[in-house]
Amino acid sequence: MRFRYAKTTQIYVYELTEVLYNKHYFGFKDSAINYVNALLDRLKATIHIKQKSKSPPCFSQYGQHLWYVSYTKSKRTTWYFFFTYHPNEDIYFIRYITNNHVAGHLLE
């Protein structure tokens, strides 16, 4: 199983660590980096066994035939990973990442 990330997703992951630190969700930059890395590690370890859902049409700007999985990281935050899966190559292409604070209302 391999993972690829859209360029915009790569940028988002980098910026997420900056936002988490700069908005004082974490007191140390390393803590913000560890949080994001743990989230991505969890995705890689469990995406193949997680319940996948078809993406609502409002997310079609990120690609066709999108699926998503969710991960609850805390009582207040659930993360959503949108992806396409290419079974012939066993590749998950992560196209978009968001959380319930931004897009939860579109997924419930």
PDB file of N, CA and C in Angstrom:
ATOM      1  N   MET A   1       0.841  -1.168   0.000  1.00  0.00           N
ATOM      2  CA  MET A   1       0.000   0.000   0.000  1.00  0.00           C
ATOM      3  C   MET A   1       0.894   1.242   0.000  1.00  0.00           C
ATOM      4  N   ARG A   2       0.581   2.143  -0.930  1.00  0.00           N
ATOM      5  CA  ARG A   2       1.357   3.387  -1.024  1.00  0.00           C
ATOM      6  C   ARG A   2       0.429   4.586  -0.919  1.00  0.00           C
ATOM      7  N   PHE A   3       1.002   5.713  -0.544  1.00  0.00           N
ATOM      8  CA  PHE A   3       0.248   6.950  -0.397  1.00  0.00           C
ATOM      9  C   PHE A   3       0.883   8.042  -1.228  1.00  0.00           C
ATOM     10  N   ARG A   4       0.042   8.788  -1.887  1.00  0.00           N
ATOM     11  CA  ARG A   4       0.459   9.967  -2.627  1.00  0.00           C
ATOM     12  C   ARG A   4      -0.440  11.113  -2.171  1.00  0.00           C
ATOM     13  N   TYR A   5       0.083  12.313  -2.223  1.00  0.00           N
ATOM     14  CA  TYR A   5      -0.658  13.489  -1.781  1.00  0.00           C
ATOM     15  C   TYR A   5      -0.678  14.527  -2.884  1.00  0.00           C
ATOM     16  N   ALA A   6      -1.844  15.108  -3.100  1.00  0.00           N
ATOM     17  CA  ALA A   6      -1.952  16.220  -4.038  1.00  0.00           C
ATOM     18  C   ALA A   6      -1.057  17.348  -3.528  1.00  0.00           C
ATOM     19  N   LYS A   7      -0.541  18.143  -4.433  1.00  0.00           N
ATOM     20  CA  LYS A   7       0.344  19.250  -4.053  1.00  0.00           C
ATOM     21  C   LYS A   7      -0.342  20.175  -3.038  1.00  0.00           C
ATOM     22  N   THR A   8      -1.609  20.478  -3.281  1.00  0.00           N
ATOM     23  CA  THR A   8      -2.333  21.347  -2.348  1.00  0.00           C
ATOM     24  C   THR A   8      -2.474  20.696  -0.978  1.00  0.00           C
ATOM     25  N   THR A   9      -2.571  19.389  -0.934  1.00  0.00           N
ATOM     26  CA  THR A   9      -2.657  18.671   0.339  1.00  0.00           C
ATOM     27  C   THR A   9      -1.320  18.711   1.063  1.00  0.00           C
ATOM     28  N   GLN A  10      -0.244  18.585   0.333  1.00  0.00           N
ATOM     29  CA  GLN A  10       1.088  18.687   0.941  1.00  0.00           C
ATOM     30  C   GLN A  10       1.274  20.062   1.576  1.00  0.00           C
ATOM     31  N   ILE A  11       0.850  21.084   0.859  1.00  0.00           N
ATOM     32  CA  ILE A  11       0.960  22.454   1.377  1.00  0.00           C
ATOM     33  C   ILE A  11       0.095  22.608   2.626  1.00  0.00           C
ATOM     34  N   TYR A  12      -1.112  22.057   2.575  1.00  0.00           N
ATOM     35  CA  TYR A  12      -2.021  22.144   3.723  1.00  0.00           C
ATOM     36  C   TYR A  12      -1.406  21.492   4.964  1.00  0.00           C
ATOM     37  N   VAL A  13      -0.813  20.332   4.803  1.00  0.00           N
ATOM     38  CA  VAL A  13      -0.203  19.629   5.939  1.00  0.00           C
ATOM     39  C   VAL A  13       0.903  20.483   6.554  1.00  0.00           C
ATOM     40  N   TYR A  14       1.729  21.077   5.714  1.00  0.00           N
ATOM     41  CA  TYR A  14       2.795  21.950   6.220  1.00  0.00           C
ATOM     42  C   TYR A  14       2.191  23.157   6.955  1.00  0.00           C
ATOM     43  N   GLU A  15       1.208  23.789   6.318  1.00  0.00           N
ATOM     44  CA  GLU A  15       0.598  24.973   6.919  1.00  0.00           C
ATOM     45  C   GLU A  15      -0.169  24.633   8.194  1.00  0.00           C
ATOM     46  N   LEU A  16      -0.728  23.428   8.257  1.00  0.00           N
ATOM     47  CA  LEU A  16      -1.467  23.022   9.442  1.00  0.00           C
ATOM     48  C   LEU A  16      -0.578  23.041  10.686  1.00  0.00           C
ATOM     49  N   THR A  17       0.628  22.562  10.549  1.00  0.00           N
ATOM     50  CA  THR A  17       1.531  22.585  11.704  1.00  0.00           C
ATOM     51  C   THR A  17       1.800  24.026  12.143  1.00  0.00           C
ATOM     52  N   GLU A  18       1.935  24.911  11.177  1.00  0.00           N
ATOM     53  CA  GLU A  18       2.168  26.329  11.481  1.00  0.00           C
ATOM     54  C   GLU A  18       0.951  26.937  12.178  1.00  0.00           C
ATOM     55  N   VAL A  19      -0.231  26.655  11.669  1.00  0.00           N
ATOM     56  CA  VAL A  19      -1.463  27.196  12.253  1.00  0.00           C
ATOM     57  C   VAL A  19      -1.663  26.676  13.675  1.00  0.00           C
ATOM     58  N   LEU A  20      -1.479  25.388  13.872  1.00  0.00           N
ATOM     59  CA  LEU A  20      -1.663  24.809  15.208  1.00  0.00           C
ATOM     60  C   LEU A  20      -0.721  25.435  16.226  1.00  0.00           C
ATOM     61  N   TYR A  21       0.476  25.737  15.781  1.00  0.00           N
ATOM     62  CA  TYR A  21       1.449  26.365  16.687  1.00  0.00           C
ATOM     63  C   TYR A  21       1.140  27.853  16.871  1.00  0.00           C
ATOM     64  N   ASN A  22       0.947  28.562  15.762  1.00  0.00           N
ATOM     65  CA  ASN A  22       0.756  30.015  15.829  1.00  0.00           C
ATOM     66  C   ASN A  22      -0.544  30.420  16.516  1.00  0.00           C
ATOM     67  N   LYS A  23      -1.562  29.570  16.464  1.00  0.00           N
ATOM     68  CA  LYS A  23      -2.827  29.874  17.140  1.00  0.00           C
ATOM     69  C   LYS A  23      -2.853  29.299  18.564  1.00  0.00           C
ATOM     70  N   HIS A  24      -1.695  28.838  18.999  1.00  0.00           N
ATOM     71  CA  HIS A  24      -1.496  28.385  20.383  1.00  0.00           C
ATOM     72  C   HIS A  24      -2.318  27.155  20.769  1.00  0.00           C
ATOM     73  N   TYR A  25      -2.622  26.308  19.770  1.00  0.00           N
ATOM     74  CA  TYR A  25      -3.214  25.016  20.110  1.00  0.00           C
ATOM     75  C   TYR A  25      -2.151  24.124  20.752  1.00  0.00           C
ATOM     76  N   PHE A  26      -0.896  24.405  20.409  1.00  0.00           N
ATOM     77  CA  PHE A  26       0.237  23.701  20.988  1.00  0.00           C
ATOM     78  C   PHE A  26       1.274  24.733  21.401  1.00  0.00           C
ATOM     79  N   GLY A  27       1.887  24.505  22.536  1.00  0.00           N
ATOM     80  CA  GLY A  27       2.873  25.450  23.049  1.00  0.00           C
ATOM     81  C   GLY A  27       4.235  25.334  22.400  1.00  0.00           C
ATOM     82  N   PHE A  28       4.484  24.200  21.767  1.00  0.00           N
ATOM     83  CA  PHE A  28       5.767  23.977  21.122  1.00  0.00           C
ATOM     84  C   PHE A  28       5.519  23.544  19.677  1.00  0.00           C
ATOM     85  N   LYS A  29       6.353  24.036  18.803  1.00  0.00           N
ATOM     86  CA  LYS A  29       6.209  23.691  17.393  1.00  0.00           C
ATOM     87  C   LYS A  29       6.358  22.181  17.181  1.00  0.00           C
ATOM     88  N   ASP A  30       7.268  21.564  17.901  1.00  0.00           N
ATOM     89  CA  ASP A  30       7.447  20.112  17.790  1.00  0.00           C
ATOM     90  C   ASP A  30       6.169  19.364  18.146  1.00  0.00           C
ATOM     91  N   SER A  31       5.403  19.884  19.095  1.00  0.00           N
ATOM     92  CA  SER A  31       4.144  19.244  19.476  1.00  0.00           C
ATOM     93  C   SER A  31       3.140  19.300  18.333  1.00  0.00           C
ATOM     94  N   ALA A  32       3.086  20.423  17.641  1.00  0.00           N
ATOM     95  CA  ALA A  32       2.194  20.562  16.484  1.00  0.00           C
ATOM     96  C   ALA A  32       2.619  19.617  15.365  1.00  0.00           C
ATOM     97  N   ILE A  33       3.905  19.522  15.136  1.00  0.00           N
ATOM     98  CA  ILE A  33       4.427  18.611  14.108  1.00  0.00           C
ATOM     99  C   ILE A  33       4.104  17.167  14.482  1.00  0.00           C
ATOM    100  N   ASN A  34       4.296  16.814  15.748  1.00  0.00           N
ATOM    101  CA  ASN A  34       3.996  15.452  16.208  1.00  0.00           C
ATOM    102  C   ASN A  34       2.515  15.120  16.063  1.00  0.00           C
ATOM    103  N   TYR A  35       1.653  16.094  16.329  1.00  0.00           N
ATOM    104  CA  TYR A  35       0.209  15.902  16.192  1.00  0.00           C
ATOM    105  C   TYR A  35      -0.148  15.558  14.745  1.00  0.00           C
ATOM    106  N   VAL A  36       0.361  16.342  13.814  1.00  0.00           N
ATOM    107  CA  VAL A  36       0.073  16.121  12.398  1.00  0.00           C
ATOM    108  C   VAL A  36       0.678  14.799  11.928  1.00  0.00           C
ATOM    109  N   ASN A  37       1.904  14.522  12.336  1.00  0.00           N
ATOM    110  CA  ASN A  37       2.535  13.252  11.953  1.00  0.00           C
ATOM    111  C   ASN A  37       1.759  12.053  12.498  1.00  0.00           C
ATOM    112  N   ALA A  38       1.272  12.149  13.725  1.00  0.00           N
ATOM    113  CA  ALA A  38       0.491  11.058  14.312  1.00  0.00           C
ATOM    114  C   ALA A  38      -0.818  10.860  13.552  1.00  0.00           C
ATOM    115  N   LEU A  39      -1.413  11.944  13.125  1.00  0.00           N
ATOM    116  CA  LEU A  39      -2.644  11.865  12.335  1.00  0.00           C
ATOM    117  C   LEU A  39      -2.390  11.159  11.007  1.00  0.00           C
ATOM    118  N   LEU A  40      -1.316  11.524  10.335  1.00  0.00           N
ATOM    119  CA  LEU A  40      -0.974  10.885   9.052  1.00  0.00           C
ATOM    120  C   LEU A  40      -0.564   9.427   9.245  1.00  0.00           C
ATOM    121  N   ASP A  41       0.139   9.141  10.326  1.00  0.00           N
ATOM    122  CA  ASP A  41       0.517   7.749  10.618  1.00  0.00           C
ATOM    123  C   ASP A  41      -0.717   6.891  10.858  1.00  0.00           C
ATOM    124  N   ARG A  42      -1.681   7.441  11.576  1.00  0.00           N
ATOM    125  CA  ARG A  42      -2.921   6.701  11.829  1.00  0.00           C
ATOM    126  C   ARG A  42      -3.665   6.436  10.526  1.00  0.00           C
ATOM    127  N   LEU A  43      -3.691   7.430   9.659  1.00  0.00           N
ATOM    128  CA  LEU A  43      -4.320   7.257   8.347  1.00  0.00           C
ATOM    129  C   LEU A  43      -3.667   6.107   7.595  1.00  0.00           C
ATOM    130  N   LYS A  44      -2.357   6.129   7.520  1.00  0.00           N
ATOM    131  CA  LYS A  44      -1.624   5.099   6.772  1.00  0.00           C
ATOM    132  C   LYS A  44      -1.823   3.708   7.362  1.00  0.00           C
ATOM    133  N   ALA A  45      -1.931   3.623   8.666  1.00  0.00           N
ATOM    134  CA  ALA A  45      -2.047   2.325   9.319  1.00  0.00           C
ATOM    135  C   ALA A  45      -3.447   1.730   9.236  1.00  0.00           C
ATOM    136  N   THR A  46      -4.463   2.588   9.048  1.00  0.00           N
ATOM    137  CA  THR A  46      -5.830   2.069   9.165  1.00  0.00           C
ATOM    138  C   THR A  46      -6.757   2.356   7.995  1.00  0.00           C
ATOM    139  N   ILE A  47      -6.335   3.122   7.021  1.00  0.00           N
ATOM    140  CA  ILE A  47      -7.254   3.501   5.942  1.00  0.00           C
ATOM    141  C   ILE A  47      -7.845   2.284   5.235  1.00  0.00           C
ATOM    142  N   HIS A  48      -7.078   1.230   5.113  1.00  0.00           N
ATOM    143  CA  HIS A  48      -7.547   0.048   4.396  1.00  0.00           C
ATOM    144  C   HIS A  48      -8.612  -0.735   5.166  1.00  0.00           C
ATOM    145  N   ILE A  49      -8.760  -0.478   6.459  1.00  0.00           N
ATOM    146  CA  ILE A  49      -9.775  -1.190   7.235  1.00  0.00           C
ATOM    147  C   ILE A  49     -10.894  -0.273   7.736  1.00  0.00           C
ATOM    148  N   LYS A  50     -10.744   1.028   7.540  1.00  0.00           N
ATOM    149  CA  LYS A  50     -11.754   1.989   7.980  1.00  0.00           C
ATOM    150  C   LYS A  50     -12.989   1.908   7.088  1.00  0.00           C
ATOM    151  N   GLN A  51     -14.139   2.272   7.672  1.00  0.00           N
ATOM    152  CA  GLN A  51     -15.362   2.406   6.894  1.00  0.00           C
ATOM    153  C   GLN A  51     -15.209   3.624   5.982  1.00  0.00           C
ATOM    154  N   LYS A  52     -15.315   3.410   4.688  1.00  0.00           N
ATOM    155  CA  LYS A  52     -15.180   4.498   3.729  1.00  0.00           C
ATOM    156  C   LYS A  52     -16.574   4.958   3.308  1.00  0.00           C
ATOM    157  N   SER A  53     -16.701   6.245   3.042  1.00  0.00           N
ATOM    158  CA  SER A  53     -17.969   6.815   2.585  1.00  0.00           C
ATOM    159  C   SER A  53     -17.747   7.549   1.279  1.00  0.00           C
ATOM    160  N   LYS A  54     -18.762   7.511   0.430  1.00  0.00           N
ATOM    161  CA  LYS A  54     -18.675   8.282  -0.811  1.00  0.00           C
ATOM    162  C   LYS A  54     -18.726   9.756  -0.462  1.00  0.00           C
ATOM    163  N   SER A  55     -17.905  10.515  -1.123  1.00  0.00           N
ATOM    164  CA  SER A  55     -17.841  11.944  -0.876  1.00  0.00           C
ATOM    165  C   SER A  55     -19.088  12.640  -1.422  1.00  0.00           C
ATOM    166  N   PRO A  56     -19.641  13.603  -0.682  1.00  0.00           N
ATOM    167  CA  PRO A  56     -20.759  14.386  -1.207  1.00  0.00           C
ATOM    168  C   PRO A  56     -20.322  15.178  -2.447  1.00  0.00           C
ATOM    169  N   PRO A  57     -21.269  15.488  -3.323  1.00  0.00           N
ATOM    170  CA  PRO A  57     -20.942  16.221  -4.557  1.00  0.00           C
ATOM    171  C   PRO A  57     -20.226  17.550  -4.334  1.00  0.00           C
ATOM    172  N   CYS A  58     -20.446  18.185  -3.192  1.00  0.00           N
ATOM    173  CA  CYS A  58     -19.814  19.490  -2.952  1.00  0.00           C
ATOM    174  C   CYS A  58     -18.287  19.400  -2.867  1.00  0.00           C
ATOM    175  N   PHE A  59     -17.739  18.193  -2.763  1.00  0.00           N
ATOM    176  CA  PHE A  59     -16.289  18.018  -2.719  1.00  0.00           C
ATOM    177  C   PHE A  59     -15.715  17.579  -4.067  1.00  0.00           C
ATOM    178  N   SER A  60     -16.539  17.580  -5.101  1.00  0.00           N
ATOM    179  CA  SER A  60     -16.090  17.101  -6.415  1.00  0.00           C
ATOM    180  C   SER A  60     -14.979  17.966  -7.016  1.00  0.00           C
ATOM    181  N   GLN A  61     -14.794  19.162  -6.506  1.00  0.00           N
ATOM    182  CA  GLN A  61     -13.700  20.005  -6.994  1.00  0.00           C
ATOM    183  C   GLN A  61     -12.325  19.387  -6.707  1.00  0.00           C
ATOM    184  N   TYR A  62     -12.299  18.417  -5.801  1.00  0.00           N
ATOM    185  CA  TYR A  62     -11.032  17.766  -5.451  1.00  0.00           C
ATOM    186  C   TYR A  62     -10.787  16.487  -6.236  1.00  0.00           C
ATOM    187  N   GLY A  63     -11.727  16.105  -7.075  1.00  0.00           N
ATOM    188  CA  GLY A  63     -11.535  14.936  -7.912  1.00  0.00           C
ATOM    189  C   GLY A  63     -12.812  14.134  -8.068  1.00  0.00           C
ATOM    190  N   GLN A  64     -12.781  13.226  -9.012  1.00  0.00           N
ATOM    191  CA  GLN A  64     -13.913  12.339  -9.258  1.00  0.00           C
ATOM    192  C   GLN A  64     -13.723  11.047  -8.484  1.00  0.00           C
ATOM    193  N   HIS A  65     -14.836  10.392  -8.212  1.00  0.00           N
ATOM    194  CA  HIS A  65     -14.830   9.097  -7.515  1.00  0.00           C
ATOM    195  C   HIS A  65     -14.125   9.188  -6.163  1.00  0.00           C
ATOM    196  N   LEU A  66     -14.424  10.258  -5.450  1.00  0.00           N
ATOM    197  CA  LEU A  66     -13.798  10.473  -4.137  1.00  0.00           C
ATOM    198  C   LEU A  66     -14.502   9.686  -3.041  1.00  0.00           C
ATOM    199  N   TRP A  67     -13.698   9.222  -2.116  1.00  0.00           N
ATOM    200  CA  TRP A  67     -14.146   8.596  -0.884  1.00  0.00           C
ATOM    201  C   TRP A  67     -13.558   9.395   0.261  1.00  0.00           C
ATOM    202  N   TYR A  68     -14.097   9.177   1.443  1.00  0.00           N
ATOM    203  CA  TYR A  68     -13.465   9.794   2.604  1.00  0.00           C
ATOM    204  C   TYR A  68     -13.578   8.875   3.813  1.00  0.00           C
ATOM    205  N   VAL A  69     -12.648   9.081   4.727  1.00  0.00           N
ATOM    206  CA  VAL A  69     -12.658   8.419   6.026  1.00  0.00           C
ATOM    207  C   VAL A  69     -12.527   9.507   7.081  1.00  0.00           C
ATOM    208  N   SER A  70     -12.990   9.201   8.273  1.00  0.00           N
ATOM    209  CA  SER A  70     -12.894  10.178   9.357  1.00  0.00           C
ATOM    210  C   SER A  70     -12.117   9.585  10.521  1.00  0.00           C
ATOM    211  N   TYR A  71     -11.448  10.463  11.234  1.00  0.00           N
ATOM    212  CA  TYR A  71     -10.690  10.095  12.424  1.00  0.00           C
ATOM    213  C   TYR A  71     -10.993  11.105  13.516  1.00  0.00           C
ATOM    214  N   THR A  72     -11.479  10.629  14.630  1.00  0.00           N
ATOM    215  CA  THR A  72     -11.726  11.505  15.760  1.00  0.00           C
ATOM    216  C   THR A  72     -10.438  11.588  16.563  1.00  0.00           C
ATOM    217  N   LYS A  73      -9.917  12.782  16.637  1.00  0.00           N
ATOM    218  CA  LYS A  73      -8.630  12.994  17.304  1.00  0.00           C
ATOM    219  C   LYS A  73      -8.823  13.442  18.756  1.00  0.00           C
ATOM    220  N   SER A  74      -9.940  14.118  19.020  1.00  0.00           N
ATOM    221  CA  SER A  74     -10.245  14.558  20.381  1.00  0.00           C
ATOM    222  C   SER A  74     -11.764  14.687  20.495  1.00  0.00           C
ATOM    223  N   LYS A  75     -12.232  15.074  21.670  1.00  0.00           N
ATOM    224  CA  LYS A  75     -13.677  15.252  21.859  1.00  0.00           C
ATOM    225  C   LYS A  75     -14.242  16.297  20.901  1.00  0.00           C
ATOM    226  N   ARG A  76     -13.422  17.229  20.510  1.00  0.00           N
ATOM    227  CA  ARG A  76     -13.903  18.358  19.710  1.00  0.00           C
ATOM    228  C   ARG A  76     -13.524  18.301  18.240  1.00  0.00           C
ATOM    229  N   THR A  77     -12.577  17.454  17.868  1.00  0.00           N
ATOM    230  CA  THR A  77     -12.069  17.512  16.493  1.00  0.00           C
ATOM    231  C   THR A  77     -12.087  16.152  15.810  1.00  0.00           C
ATOM    232  N   THR A  78     -12.733  16.140  14.657  1.00  0.00           N
ATOM    233  CA  THR A  78     -12.726  14.988  13.769  1.00  0.00           C
ATOM    234  C   THR A  78     -12.105  15.432  12.455  1.00  0.00           C
ATOM    235  N   TRP A  79     -11.174  14.644  11.968  1.00  0.00           N
ATOM    236  CA  TRP A  79     -10.494  14.933  10.707  1.00  0.00           C
ATOM    237  C   TRP A  79     -11.081  14.076   9.593  1.00  0.00           C
ATOM    238  N   TYR A  80     -11.158  14.659   8.398  1.00  0.00           N
ATOM    239  CA  TYR A  80     -11.680  13.969   7.225  1.00  0.00           C
ATOM    240  C   TYR A  80     -10.610  13.960   6.141  1.00  0.00           C
ATOM    241  N   PHE A  81     -10.364  12.783   5.599  1.00  0.00           N
ATOM    242  CA  PHE A  81      -9.398  12.606   4.522  1.00  0.00           C
ATOM    243  C   PHE A  81     -10.142  12.149   3.278  1.00  0.00           C
ATOM    244  N   PHE A  82     -10.027  12.922   2.211  1.00  0.00           N
ATOM    245  CA  PHE A  82     -10.673  12.607   0.946  1.00  0.00           C
ATOM    246  C   PHE A  82      -9.631  12.024   0.000  1.00  0.00           C
ATOM    247  N   PHE A  83      -9.992  10.960  -0.679  1.00  0.00           N
ATOM    248  CA  PHE A  83      -8.997  10.262  -1.481  1.00  0.00           C
ATOM    249  C   PHE A  83      -9.643   9.508  -2.636  1.00  0.00           C
ATOM    250  N   THR A  84      -8.801   9.147  -3.570  1.00  0.00           N
ATOM    251  CA  THR A  84      -9.156   8.166  -4.590  1.00  0.00           C
ATOM    252  C   THR A  84      -8.237   6.982  -4.365  1.00  0.00           C
ATOM    253  N   TYR A  85      -8.777   5.816  -4.661  1.00  0.00           N
ATOM    254  CA  TYR A  85      -7.991   4.597  -4.486  1.00  0.00           C
ATOM    255  C   TYR A  85      -7.783   3.949  -5.840  1.00  0.00           C
ATOM    256  N   HIS A  86      -6.547   3.586  -6.109  1.00  0.00           N
ATOM    257  CA  HIS A  86      -6.178   2.940  -7.362  1.00  0.00           C
ATOM    258  C   HIS A  86      -5.740   1.513  -7.039  1.00  0.00           C
ATOM    259  N   PRO A  87      -6.692   0.556  -7.124  1.00  0.00           N
ATOM    260  CA  PRO A  87      -6.399  -0.805  -6.666  1.00  0.00           C
ATOM    261  C   PRO A  87      -5.320  -1.520  -7.464  1.00  0.00           C
ATOM    262  N   ASN A  88      -5.197  -1.224  -8.745  1.00  0.00           N
ATOM    263  CA  ASN A  88      -4.174  -1.911  -9.544  1.00  0.00           C
ATOM    264  C   ASN A  88      -2.767  -1.624  -9.036  1.00  0.00           C
ATOM    265  N   GLU A  89      -2.563  -0.420  -8.524  1.00  0.00           N
ATOM    266  CA  GLU A  89      -1.254  -0.048  -7.981  1.00  0.00           C
ATOM    267  C   GLU A  89      -1.245  -0.027  -6.460  1.00  0.00           C
ATOM    268  N   ASP A  90      -2.408  -0.260  -5.844  1.00  0.00           N
ATOM    269  CA  ASP A  90      -2.584  -0.193  -4.396  1.00  0.00           C
ATOM    270  C   ASP A  90      -2.106   1.157  -3.857  1.00  0.00           C
ATOM    271  N   ILE A  91      -2.615   2.225  -4.486  1.00  0.00           N
ATOM    272  CA  ILE A  91      -2.234   3.590  -4.116  1.00  0.00           C
ATOM    273  C   ILE A  91      -3.460   4.354  -3.622  1.00  0.00           C
ATOM    274  N   TYR A  92      -3.299   4.979  -2.470  1.00  0.00           N
ATOM    275  CA  TYR A  92      -4.288   5.925  -1.962  1.00  0.00           C
ATOM    276  C   TYR A  92      -3.765   7.316  -2.300  1.00  0.00           C
ATOM    277  N   PHE A  93      -4.549   8.051  -3.059  1.00  0.00           N
ATOM    278  CA  PHE A  93      -4.160   9.408  -3.441  1.00  0.00           C
ATOM    279  C   PHE A  93      -4.984  10.377  -2.602  1.00  0.00           C
ATOM    280  N   ILE A  94      -4.345  10.982  -1.613  1.00  0.00           N
ATOM    281  CA  ILE A  94      -5.016  11.882  -0.681  1.00  0.00           C
ATOM    282  C   ILE A  94      -5.146  13.245  -1.362  1.00  0.00           C
ATOM    283  N   ARG A  95      -6.392  13.635  -1.576  1.00  0.00           N
ATOM    284  CA  ARG A  95      -6.660  14.844  -2.356  1.00  0.00           C
ATOM    285  C   ARG A  95      -7.044  16.059  -1.510  1.00  0.00           C
ATOM    286  N   TYR A  96      -7.580  15.800  -0.319  1.00  0.00           N
ATOM    287  CA  TYR A  96      -8.051  16.918   0.495  1.00  0.00           C
ATOM    288  C   TYR A  96      -8.149  16.463   1.942  1.00  0.00           C
ATOM    289  N   ILE A  97      -7.810  17.353   2.854  1.00  0.00           N
ATOM    290  CA  ILE A  97      -7.927  17.101   4.289  1.00  0.00           C
ATOM    291  C   ILE A  97      -8.663  18.285   4.900  1.00  0.00           C
ATOM    292  N   THR A  98      -9.604  17.980   5.772  1.00  0.00           N
ATOM    293  CA  THR A  98     -10.309  19.036   6.488  1.00  0.00           C
ATOM    294  C   THR A  98     -10.762  18.482   7.835  1.00  0.00           C
ATOM    295  N   ASN A  99     -11.437  19.311   8.605  1.00  0.00           N
ATOM    296  CA  ASN A  99     -11.947  18.826   9.889  1.00  0.00           C
ATOM    297  C   ASN A  99     -13.374  19.302  10.105  1.00  0.00           C
ATOM    298  N   ASN A 100     -13.969  18.857  11.207  1.00  0.00           N
ATOM    299  CA  ASN A 100     -15.366  19.187  11.475  1.00  0.00           C
ATOM    300  C   ASN A 100     -15.586  20.673  11.711  1.00  0.00           C
ATOM    301  N   HIS A 101     -14.568  21.397  12.126  1.00  0.00           N
ATOM    302  CA  HIS A 101     -14.707  22.826  12.352  1.00  0.00           C
ATOM    303  C   HIS A 101     -14.884  23.587  11.043  1.00  0.00           C
ATOM    304  N   VAL A 102     -14.351  23.038   9.959  1.00  0.00           N
ATOM    305  CA  VAL A 102     -14.417  23.684   8.655  1.00  0.00           C
ATOM    306  C   VAL A 102     -15.551  23.119   7.804  1.00  0.00           C
ATOM    307  N   ALA A 103     -15.648  21.800   7.747  1.00  0.00           N
ATOM    308  CA  ALA A 103     -16.577  21.191   6.798  1.00  0.00           C
ATOM    309  C   ALA A 103     -17.493  20.139   7.405  1.00  0.00           C
ATOM    310  N   GLY A 104     -17.517  20.035   8.697  1.00  0.00           N
ATOM    311  CA  GLY A 104     -18.353  19.023   9.340  1.00  0.00           C
ATOM    312  C   GLY A 104     -19.811  19.124   8.964  1.00  0.00           C
ATOM    313  N   HIS A 105     -20.308  20.340   8.802  1.00  0.00           N
ATOM    314  CA  HIS A 105     -21.714  20.540   8.450  1.00  0.00           C
ATOM    315  C   HIS A 105     -22.058  19.981   7.063  1.00  0.00           C
ATOM    316  N   LEU A 106     -21.064  19.805   6.228  1.00  0.00           N
ATOM    317  CA  LEU A 106     -21.280  19.263   4.876  1.00  0.00           C
ATOM    318  C   LEU A 106     -21.296  17.742   4.861  1.00  0.00           C
ATOM    319  N   LEU A 107     -20.862  17.129   5.951  1.00  0.00           N
ATOM    320  CA  LEU A 107     -20.719  15.667   5.991  1.00  0.00           C
ATOM    321  C   LEU A 107     -21.700  15.000   6.944  1.00  0.00           C
ATOM    322  N   GLU A 108     -22.446  15.741   7.687  1.00  0.00           N
ATOM    323  CA  GLU A 108     -23.373  15.137   8.653  1.00  0.00           C
ATOM    324  C   GLU A 108     -24.777  15.109   8.134  1.00  0.00           C
TER     325      GLU A 108
END
